[in-house]
C-alpha atoms as a PDB file:
ATOM      1  CA  MET A   1     -11.766  -1.957 -40.647  1.00  0.00           C
ATOM      2  CA  LYS A   2      -9.336   0.659 -39.383  1.00  0.00           C
ATOM      3  CA  THR A   3      -5.799   0.476 -40.700  1.00  0.00           C
ATOM      4  CA  ALA A   4      -2.651   1.547 -38.962  1.00  0.00           C
ATOM      5  CA  GLN A   5      -2.716   4.926 -40.707  1.00  0.00           C
ATOM      6  CA  ASP A   6      -6.245   5.589 -39.424  1.00  0.00           C
ATOM      7  CA  ARG A   7      -5.208   4.869 -35.905  1.00  0.00           C
ATOM      8  CA  SER A   8      -2.175   7.154 -36.135  1.00  0.00           C
ATOM      9  CA  GLN A   9      -4.305  10.256 -36.882  1.00  0.00           C
ATOM     10  CA  TYR A  10      -5.738  10.365 -33.426  1.00  0.00           C
ATOM     11  CA  PRO A  11      -3.579  10.781 -30.348  1.00  0.00           C
ATOM     12  CA  PRO A  12      -3.882   7.869 -27.899  1.00  0.00           C
ATOM     13  CA  ALA A  13      -6.565   8.334 -25.252  1.00  0.00           C
ATOM     14  CA  ARG A  14      -5.118   9.260 -21.974  1.00  0.00           C
ATOM     15  CA  GLN A  15      -5.871   6.963 -19.117  1.00  0.00           C
ATOM     16  CA  GLN A  16      -6.776   8.682 -15.921  1.00  0.00           C
ATOM     17  CA  ARG A  17      -5.549   7.121 -12.702  1.00  0.00           C
ATOM     18  CA  PRO A  18      -7.861   7.246  -9.756  1.00  0.00           C
ATOM     19  CA  GLN A  19      -6.893   9.825  -7.186  1.00  0.00           C
ATOM     20  CA  ARG A  20      -5.451   8.469  -3.973  1.00  0.00           C
ATOM     21  CA  ALA A  21      -6.395   9.902  -0.731  1.00  0.00           C
ATOM     22  CA  PRO A  22      -3.400  11.526   1.026  1.00  0.00           C
ATOM     23  CA  LYS A  23      -1.872   9.427   3.681  1.00  0.00           C
ATOM     24  CA  GLN A  24      -2.680  10.575   7.206  1.00  0.00           C
ATOM     25  CA  LYS A  25       0.409  10.898   9.233  1.00  0.00           C
ATOM     26  CA  SER A  26       0.080   9.187  12.539  1.00  0.00           C
ATOM     27  CA  LYS A  27       0.960  11.164  15.585  1.00  0.00           C
ATOM     28  CA  GLU A  28       2.367   8.061  17.024  1.00  0.00           C
ATOM     29  CA  ARG A  29       6.156   7.676  16.763  1.00  0.00           C
ATOM     30  CA  LYS A  30       8.261   4.476  17.275  1.00  0.00           C
ATOM     31  CA  LEU A  31      10.492   4.739  20.296  1.00  0.00           C
ATOM     32  CA  MET A  32      12.058   1.185  19.896  1.00  0.00           C
ATOM     33  CA  LYS A  33      11.891  -1.749  17.745  1.00  0.00           C
ATOM     34  CA  ILE A  34      12.764  -4.931  19.585  1.00  0.00           C
ATOM     35  CA  SER A  35      13.383  -8.496  18.525  1.00  0.00           C
ATOM     36  CA  ARG A  36      15.039 -11.326  20.470  1.00  0.00           C
ATOM     37  CA  ALA A  37      18.744 -11.013  21.158  1.00  0.00           C
ATOM     38  CA  ARG A  38      21.212 -13.186  19.236  1.00  0.00           C
ATOM     39  CA  LYS A  39      23.105 -13.544  22.469  1.00  0.00           C
ATOM     40  CA  ALA A  40      20.148 -15.499  23.864  1.00  0.00           C
ATOM     41  CA  ASN A  41      20.633 -18.169  21.186  1.00  0.00           C
ATOM     42  CA  PHE A  42      24.381 -18.468  21.866  1.00  0.00           C
ATOM     43  CA  LEU A  43      24.208 -22.142  22.805  1.00  0.00           C
ATOM     44  CA  LYS A  44      22.199 -23.012  19.659  1.00  0.00           C
ATOM     45  CA  TYR A  45      24.643 -21.194  17.421  1.00  0.00           C
ATOM     46  CA  ILE A  46      27.552 -23.062  19.203  1.00  0.00           C
ATOM     47  CA  PHE A  47      25.780 -26.375  18.724  1.00  0.00           C
ATOM     48  CA  GLY A  48      25.215 -25.741  14.991  1.00  0.00           C
ATOM     49  CA  ILE A  49      28.848 -24.700  14.533  1.00  0.00           C
ATOM     50  CA  ILE A  50      30.038 -27.784  16.377  1.00  0.00           C
ATOM     51  CA  LEU A  51      27.901 -30.020  14.135  1.00  0.00           C
ATOM     52  CA  ILE A  52      29.197 -28.345  10.960  1.00  0.00           C
ATOM     53  CA  GLY A  53      32.862 -28.756  12.227  1.00  0.00           C
ATOM     54  CA  ALA A  54      32.184 -32.353  13.129  1.00  0.00           C
ATOM     55  CA  GLY A  55      30.812 -33.018   9.676  1.00  0.00           C
ATOM     56  CA  ILE A  56      33.876 -31.438   8.035  1.00  0.00           C
ATOM     57  CA  TYR A  57      36.163 -33.430  10.309  1.00  0.00           C
ATOM     58  CA  LEU A  58      34.379 -36.716   9.487  1.00  0.00           C
ATOM     59  CA  TYR A  59      34.418 -35.930   5.732  1.00  0.00           C
ATOM     60  CA  TYR A  60      38.179 -35.508   5.646  1.00  0.00           C
ATOM     61  CA  ASN A  61      39.125 -38.314   8.107  1.00  0.00           C
ATOM     62  CA  ASN A  62      37.793 -41.624   6.857  1.00  0.00           C
ATOM     63  CA  PHE A  63      36.564 -43.170  10.134  1.00  0.00           C
ATOM     64  CA  LEU A  64      33.337 -44.660   8.892  1.00  0.00           C
ATOM     65  CA  GLY A  65      34.387 -46.294   5.688  1.00  0.00           C
ATOM     66  CA  THR A  66      31.868 -46.286   2.854  1.00  0.00           C
ATOM     67  CA  TRP A  67      29.222 -44.359   4.863  1.00  0.00           C
ATOM     68  CA  ASN A  68      31.748 -41.542   5.773  1.00  0.00           C
ATOM     69  CA  SER A  69      30.763 -38.920   3.144  1.00  0.00           C
ATOM     70  CA  THR A  70      26.958 -39.577   3.582  1.00  0.00           C
ATOM     71  CA  ILE A  71      27.027 -39.340   7.384  1.00  0.00           C
ATOM     72  CA  SER A  72      29.338 -36.278   7.366  1.00  0.00           C
ATOM     73  CA  ILE A  73      27.093 -34.428   4.899  1.00  0.00           C
ATOM     74  CA  VAL A  74      24.063 -35.236   7.001  1.00  0.00           C
ATOM     75  CA  VAL A  75      25.759 -33.933  10.055  1.00  0.00           C
ATOM     76  CA  MET A  76      26.770 -30.710   8.320  1.00  0.00           C
ATOM     77  CA  VAL A  77      23.225 -30.236   6.939  1.00  0.00           C
ATOM     78  CA  ILE A  78      21.780 -30.652  10.478  1.00  0.00           C
ATOM     79  CA  GLY A  79      24.275 -28.049  11.739  1.00  0.00           C
ATOM     80  CA  VAL A  80      23.182 -25.570   9.003  1.00  0.00           C
ATOM     81  CA  LEU A  81      19.542 -26.305   9.744  1.00  0.00           C
ATOM     82  CA  VAL A  82      19.986 -25.576  13.462  1.00  0.00           C
ATOM     83  CA  LEU A  83      21.602 -22.139  12.600  1.00  0.00           C
ATOM     84  CA  ILE A  84      18.883 -21.222  10.063  1.00  0.00           C
ATOM     85  CA  LEU A  85      16.010 -22.291  12.272  1.00  0.00           C
ATOM     86  CA  SER A  86      17.457 -20.469  15.294  1.00  0.00           C
ATOM     87  CA  GLU A  87      17.506 -17.306  13.280  1.00  0.00           C
ATOM     88  CA  ILE A  88      13.965 -17.806  11.862  1.00  0.00           C
ATOM     89  CA  VAL A  89      12.584 -18.411  15.359  1.00  0.00           C
ATOM     90  CA  ARG A  90      14.479 -15.356  16.687  1.00  0.00           C
ATOM     91  CA  LEU A  91      13.130 -13.026  14.055  1.00  0.00           C
ATOM     92  CA  LYS A  92       9.518 -14.149  13.880  1.00  0.00           C
ATOM     93  CA  LEU A  93       8.539 -12.161  17.027  1.00  0.00           C
ATOM     94  CA  ARG A  94       9.039  -8.459  17.130  1.00  0.00           C
ATOM     95  CA  TYR A  95       7.862  -5.676  19.387  1.00  0.00           C
ATOM     96  CA  TYR A  96       7.401  -1.947  18.665  1.00  0.00           C
ATOM     97  CA  ILE A  97       7.212   0.449  21.544  1.00  0.00           C
ATOM     98  CA  THR A  98       5.529   3.825  20.778  1.00  0.00           C
ATOM     99  CA  GLN A  99       4.721   6.597  23.135  1.00  0.00           C
ATOM    100  CA  TYR A 100       1.074   5.294  23.379  1.00  0.00           C
ATOM    101  CA  ARG A 101       1.284   1.503  23.125  1.00  0.00           C
ATOM    102  CA  ILE A 102       3.333  -1.696  22.852  1.00  0.00           C
ATOM    103  CA  ILE A 103       2.690  -3.604  19.592  1.00  0.00           C
ATOM    104  CA  GLU A 104       3.560  -7.335  19.334  1.00  0.00           C
ATOM    105  CA  VAL A 105       3.960  -8.651  15.730  1.00  0.00           C
ATOM    106  CA  ARG A 106       4.219 -12.406  15.161  1.00  0.00           C
ATOM    107  CA  GLY A 107       5.090 -14.321  12.045  1.00  0.00           C
ATOM    108  CA  TYR A 108       6.344 -13.930   8.507  1.00  0.00           C
ATOM    109  CA  LEU A 109       3.825 -14.977   6.095  1.00  0.00           C
ATOM    110  CA  ARG A 110       0.814 -14.595   8.308  1.00  0.00           C
ATOM    111  CA  LYS A 111       1.279 -11.672  10.668  1.00  0.00           C
ATOM    112  CA  ASN A 112      -0.676 -11.407  13.921  1.00  0.00           C
ATOM    113  CA  LYS A 113      -0.568  -8.086  15.675  1.00  0.00           C
ATOM    114  CA  HIS A 114      -1.483  -7.422  19.282  1.00  0.00           C
ATOM    115  CA  ALA A 115      -1.336  -3.978  20.885  1.00  0.00           C
ATOM    116  CA  VAL A 116      -1.686  -2.928  24.506  1.00  0.00           C
ATOM    117  CA  ARG A 117      -2.073   0.716  25.410  1.00  0.00           C
ATOM    118  CA  LEU A 118       0.608   2.009  27.799  1.00  0.00           C
ATOM    119  CA  ASP A 119      -1.992   3.678  30.020  1.00  0.00           C
ATOM    120  CA  HIS A 120      -3.435   0.223  30.612  1.00  0.00           C
ATOM    121  CA  VAL A 121      -0.025  -1.142  31.863  1.00  0.00           C
ATOM    122  CA  SER A 122      -0.065  -1.263  35.645  1.00  0.00           C
ATOM    123  CA  SER A 123       3.352  -2.615  36.419  1.00  0.00           C
ATOM    124  CA  ALA A 124       6.645  -3.632  34.684  1.00  0.00           C
ATOM    125  CA  GLU A 125       9.348  -5.848  35.945  1.00  0.00           C
ATOM    126  CA  THR A 126      12.645  -7.434  34.702  1.00  0.00           C
ATOM    127  CA  LYS A 127      13.734 -11.006  35.172  1.00  0.00           C
ATOM    128  CA  GLN A 128      17.311 -12.124  34.621  1.00  0.00           C
ATOM    129  CA  ASN A 129      19.179 -15.141  35.822  1.00  0.00           C
ATOM    130  CA  PHE A 130      22.898 -15.193  36.336  1.00  0.00           C
ATOM    131  CA  LEU A 131      23.723 -16.297  32.795  1.00  0.00           C
ATOM    132  CA  ASN A 132      21.351 -13.701  31.294  1.00  0.00           C
ATOM    133  CA  ARG A 133      22.956 -10.957  33.382  1.00  0.00           C
ATOM    134  CA  MET A 134      26.428 -12.050  32.079  1.00  0.00           C
ATOM    135  CA  PHE A 135      25.218 -11.622  28.455  1.00  0.00           C
ATOM    136  CA  GLY A 136      23.074  -8.514  29.062  1.00  0.00           C
ATOM    137  CA  VAL A 137      19.833 -10.350  28.173  1.00  0.00           C
ATOM    138  CA  GLY A 138      16.573 -10.712  30.041  1.00  0.00           C
ATOM    139  CA  ASN A 139      12.793 -10.613  30.025  1.00  0.00           C
ATOM    140  CA  VAL A 140      10.423  -7.719  30.721  1.00  0.00           C
ATOM    141  CA  ILE A 141       7.142  -8.622  32.176  1.00  0.00           C
ATOM    142  CA  LEU A 142       4.221  -6.170  31.914  1.00  0.00           C
ATOM    143  CA  ARG A 143       0.945  -6.503  33.646  1.00  0.00           C
ATOM    144  CA  THR A 144      -2.203  -4.593  32.575  1.00  0.00           C
ATOM    145  CA  SER A 145      -5.013  -3.331  34.689  1.00  0.00           C
ATOM    146  CA  SER A 146      -7.274  -5.996  33.261  1.00  0.00           C
ATOM    147  CA  GLY A 147      -4.863  -8.695  34.492  1.00  0.00           C
ATOM    148  CA  GLU A 148      -3.207  -9.535  31.102  1.00  0.00           C
ATOM    149  CA  ARG A 149       0.363 -10.441  31.279  1.00  0.00           C
ATOM    150  CA  ILE A 150       2.851  -9.627  28.420  1.00  0.00           C
ATOM    151  CA  GLU A 151       6.297 -11.082  28.505  1.00  0.00           C
ATOM    152  CA  ILE A 152       8.899  -9.617  26.160  1.00  0.00           C
ATOM    153  CA  GLN A 153      11.439 -12.427  26.158  1.00  0.00           C
ATOM    154  CA  LYS A 154      15.247 -12.673  25.527  1.00  0.00           C
ATOM    155  CA  ILE A 155      15.983  -9.058  24.581  1.00  0.00           C
ATOM    156  CA  ASP A 156      19.052  -6.946  24.893  1.00  0.00           C
ATOM    157  CA  ASP A 157      19.222  -4.469  27.719  1.00  0.00           C
ATOM    158  CA  PRO A 158      15.859  -5.222  29.443  1.00  0.00           C
ATOM    159  CA  LEU A 159      16.512  -2.599  32.109  1.00  0.00           C
ATOM    160  CA  ARG A 160      16.485   0.184  29.409  1.00  0.00           C
ATOM    161  CA  LEU A 161      13.289  -1.050  27.975  1.00  0.00           C
ATOM    162  CA  GLU A 162      11.650  -1.264  31.395  1.00  0.00           C
ATOM    163  CA  SER A 163      12.801   2.388  32.177  1.00  0.00           C
ATOM    164  CA  ILE A 164      11.452   3.686  28.753  1.00  0.00           C
ATOM    165  CA  ILE A 165       8.016   1.969  29.421  1.00  0.00           C
ATOM    166  CA  ILE A 166       7.837   3.275  32.959  1.00  0.00           C
ATOM    167  CA  SER A 167       8.724   6.876  31.807  1.00  0.00           C
ATOM    168  CA  GLU A 168       6.142   6.755  29.058  1.00  0.00           C
ATOM    169  CA  MET A 169       3.509   5.472  31.516  1.00  0.00           C
ATOM    170  CA  LYS A 170       4.349   8.311  33.917  1.00  0.00           C
ATOM    171  CA  ARG A 171       4.168  10.862  31.122  1.00  0.00           C
ATOM    172  CA  GLY A 172       0.441  10.447  31.307  1.00  0.00           C
ATOM    173  CA  GLN A 173      -0.437  10.476  27.598  1.00  0.00           C
ATOM    174  CA  ARG A 174      -3.900   8.956  27.799  1.00  0.00           C
ATOM    175  CA  HIS A 175      -5.309   9.419  24.336  1.00  0.00           C
ATOM    176  CA  MET A 176      -4.743   7.143  21.322  1.00  0.00           C
ATOM    177  CA  PRO A 177      -3.785   8.525  17.918  1.00  0.00           C
ATOM    178  CA  PRO A 178      -4.946   6.882  14.685  1.00  0.00           C
ATOM    179  CA  ALA A 179      -3.185   3.526  14.336  1.00  0.00           C
ATOM    180  CA  GLY A 180      -0.172   3.354  12.144  1.00  0.00           C
ATOM    181  CA  ASP A 181       1.143   0.291  10.245  1.00  0.00           C
ATOM    182  CA  TYR A 182       4.359  -1.304  11.513  1.00  0.00           C
END
């Protein structure tokens, strides 16, 4: 059996790490990262804040007797949940616009990606109602040559996005680079 002195005579064996292949740089560059606008959820945020305020008001003014604190806490918790869930739903859908394609990424834990090449997009249009125009929010609807319809909903400055997509379509870049991770 080897003792501690016997082991100290020899230098420890050097572990070799496997060589990693160098990362290939994608020729594709991100032009925009898009998620839903907070302004589009304005009414949900107001509703959540009103519920929290109503819960605080009920807590300090004893209108409901013995149930006052329980009901006021439930109302405040519902208000906080409305705010948190509004943010979660808003952030679970993202879009990346590159010079070659539009990438839709859905989800947090399980991500689903869907990409459409810009040279397949045949038309782009913007839809805004009166309230959306006041807040500067809208939808961009893209149609592909195969008939697929992609709607990018509730985003800030949809006219800018539409003009970027149209300019990239007109640029005429028809080849696809290696796919990058987003």
